């Protein structure tokens, strides 16, 4: 749960505490990566990963 507002790492929209969002953990060649996405960008990523 968010305690402070954060910007979506894809579109820059502000994600406020209580908003729906996605938190992604991934591994890059440089190390760990943590990303927060707003609900809209999260749905777009899900559609992309599903091949739509």
N, C-alpha and C. Protein backbone atom coordinates (compact mmCIF):
# COMPACT_ATOMS: atom_id res chain seq x y z
N UNK A 1 0.83 -1.16 0.00
CA UNK A 1 0.00 0.00 0.00
C UNK A 1 0.89 1.24 0.00
N UNK A 2 0.49 2.22 -0.80
CA UNK A 2 1.25 3.47 -0.86
C UNK A 2 0.92 4.35 0.33
N UNK A 3 1.93 4.99 0.86
CA UNK A 3 1.73 5.97 1.94
C UNK A 3 1.83 7.39 1.41
N UNK A 4 2.53 7.55 0.29
CA UNK A 4 2.74 8.86 -0.33
C UNK A 4 2.44 8.76 -1.82
N UNK A 5 2.04 9.87 -2.45
CA UNK A 5 1.83 9.84 -3.90
C UNK A 5 3.13 9.51 -4.64
N UNK A 6 2.99 8.80 -5.74
CA UNK A 6 4.11 8.46 -6.62
C UNK A 6 3.66 8.68 -8.05
N UNK A 7 4.60 8.93 -8.94
CA UNK A 7 4.28 9.06 -10.36
C UNK A 7 4.39 7.70 -11.03
N UNK A 8 3.49 7.44 -11.98
CA UNK A 8 3.56 6.24 -12.80
C UNK A 8 4.86 6.29 -13.59
N UNK A 9 5.60 5.20 -13.60
CA UNK A 9 6.88 5.16 -14.30
C UNK A 9 6.73 5.12 -15.81
N UNK A 10 5.52 4.94 -16.31
CA UNK A 10 5.31 4.91 -17.76
C UNK A 10 4.75 6.22 -18.29
N UNK A 11 3.66 6.72 -17.68
CA UNK A 11 2.99 7.91 -18.23
C UNK A 11 3.16 9.15 -17.37
N UNK A 12 3.61 8.98 -16.13
CA UNK A 12 3.80 10.13 -15.24
C UNK A 12 2.59 10.54 -14.43
N UNK A 13 1.45 9.86 -14.60
CA UNK A 13 0.25 10.19 -13.82
C UNK A 13 0.52 9.95 -12.34
N UNK A 14 -0.05 10.77 -11.49
CA UNK A 14 0.15 10.63 -10.06
C UNK A 14 -0.72 9.50 -9.52
N UNK A 15 -0.09 8.59 -8.79
CA UNK A 15 -0.78 7.49 -8.11
C UNK A 15 -0.85 7.89 -6.65
N UNK A 16 -2.07 8.03 -6.13
CA UNK A 16 -2.26 8.47 -4.75
C UNK A 16 -2.60 7.28 -3.86
N UNK A 17 -2.32 7.39 -2.56
CA UNK A 17 -2.72 6.33 -1.63
C UNK A 17 -4.22 6.02 -1.81
N UNK A 18 -4.55 4.77 -1.90
CA UNK A 18 -5.92 4.33 -2.11
C UNK A 18 -6.26 4.07 -3.57
N UNK A 19 -5.44 4.59 -4.52
CA UNK A 19 -5.64 4.33 -5.95
C UNK A 19 -5.22 2.91 -6.28
N UNK A 20 -5.82 2.38 -7.34
CA UNK A 20 -5.40 1.09 -7.87
C UNK A 20 -4.11 1.29 -8.66
N UNK A 21 -3.16 0.39 -8.53
CA UNK A 21 -1.88 0.49 -9.24
C UNK A 21 -1.25 -0.88 -9.34
N UNK A 22 -0.19 -0.99 -10.12
CA UNK A 22 0.56 -2.24 -10.23
C UNK A 22 2.00 -1.96 -9.79
N UNK A 23 2.56 -2.89 -9.05
CA UNK A 23 3.97 -2.83 -8.65
C UNK A 23 4.67 -4.01 -9.31
N UNK A 24 5.71 -3.71 -10.08
CA UNK A 24 6.43 -4.74 -10.81
C UNK A 24 7.86 -4.82 -10.32
N UNK A 25 8.32 -6.02 -10.11
CA UNK A 25 9.73 -6.26 -9.80
C UNK A 25 10.31 -7.03 -10.97
N UNK A 26 11.43 -6.60 -11.44
CA UNK A 26 12.10 -7.29 -12.53
C UNK A 26 13.59 -7.25 -12.32
N UNK A 27 14.30 -8.03 -13.09
CA UNK A 27 15.75 -8.04 -12.98
C UNK A 27 16.32 -7.57 -14.31
N UNK A 28 17.16 -6.59 -14.23
CA UNK A 28 17.84 -6.05 -15.40
C UNK A 28 19.30 -6.48 -15.33
N UNK A 29 20.06 -6.28 -16.40
CA UNK A 29 21.48 -6.61 -16.35
C UNK A 29 22.23 -5.83 -15.26
N UNK A 30 21.70 -4.67 -14.89
CA UNK A 30 22.36 -3.84 -13.87
C UNK A 30 21.91 -4.17 -12.45
N UNK A 31 20.90 -5.02 -12.27
CA UNK A 31 20.39 -5.33 -10.93
C UNK A 31 18.89 -5.33 -10.89
N UNK A 32 18.35 -5.10 -9.71
CA UNK A 32 16.90 -5.13 -9.53
C UNK A 32 16.25 -3.86 -10.01
N UNK A 33 14.99 -3.96 -10.42
CA UNK A 33 14.21 -2.82 -10.88
C UNK A 33 12.83 -2.93 -10.26
N UNK A 34 12.36 -1.88 -9.66
CA UNK A 34 11.00 -1.84 -9.12
C UNK A 34 10.28 -0.70 -9.82
N UNK A 35 9.09 -0.98 -10.33
CA UNK A 35 8.33 -0.02 -11.10
C UNK A 35 6.90 0.06 -10.57
N UNK A 36 6.35 1.26 -10.50
CA UNK A 36 4.95 1.46 -10.16
C UNK A 36 4.23 1.97 -11.40
N UNK A 37 3.10 1.33 -11.73
CA UNK A 37 2.30 1.73 -12.88
C UNK A 37 0.89 2.08 -12.42
N UNK A 38 0.31 3.12 -13.05
CA UNK A 38 -1.09 3.45 -12.77
C UNK A 38 -1.97 2.33 -13.33
N UNK A 39 -3.25 2.35 -12.99
CA UNK A 39 -4.16 1.28 -13.42
C UNK A 39 -4.25 1.20 -14.95
N UNK A 40 -4.28 2.33 -15.62
CA UNK A 40 -4.38 2.34 -17.08
C UNK A 40 -3.15 1.71 -17.73
N UNK A 41 -1.97 2.09 -17.28
CA UNK A 41 -0.74 1.51 -17.83
C UNK A 41 -0.60 0.04 -17.47
N UNK A 42 -1.09 -0.32 -16.30
CA UNK A 42 -1.06 -1.72 -15.88
C UNK A 42 -1.92 -2.57 -16.81
N UNK A 43 -3.10 -2.07 -17.15
CA UNK A 43 -3.98 -2.81 -18.08
C UNK A 43 -3.33 -2.91 -19.46
N UNK A 44 -2.71 -1.82 -19.91
CA UNK A 44 -2.03 -1.85 -21.22
C UNK A 44 -0.90 -2.88 -21.22
N UNK A 45 -0.13 -2.95 -20.15
CA UNK A 45 0.94 -3.93 -20.05
C UNK A 45 0.38 -5.35 -20.05
N UNK A 46 -0.70 -5.57 -19.34
CA UNK A 46 -1.32 -6.91 -19.30
C UNK A 46 -1.78 -7.33 -20.69
N UNK A 47 -2.40 -6.40 -21.44
CA UNK A 47 -2.84 -6.71 -22.81
C UNK A 47 -1.63 -7.04 -23.70
N UNK A 48 -0.55 -6.27 -23.56
CA UNK A 48 0.67 -6.52 -24.34
C UNK A 48 1.23 -7.91 -24.02
N UNK A 49 1.33 -8.24 -22.74
CA UNK A 49 1.89 -9.53 -22.34
C UNK A 49 1.00 -10.70 -22.77
N UNK A 50 -0.31 -10.44 -22.90
CA UNK A 50 -1.25 -11.46 -23.37
C UNK A 50 -1.27 -11.58 -24.89
N UNK A 51 -0.49 -10.72 -25.56
CA UNK A 51 -0.39 -10.80 -27.02
C UNK A 51 -1.51 -10.10 -27.75
N UNK A 52 -2.20 -9.22 -27.09
CA UNK A 52 -3.31 -8.49 -27.75
C UNK A 52 -2.82 -7.26 -28.45
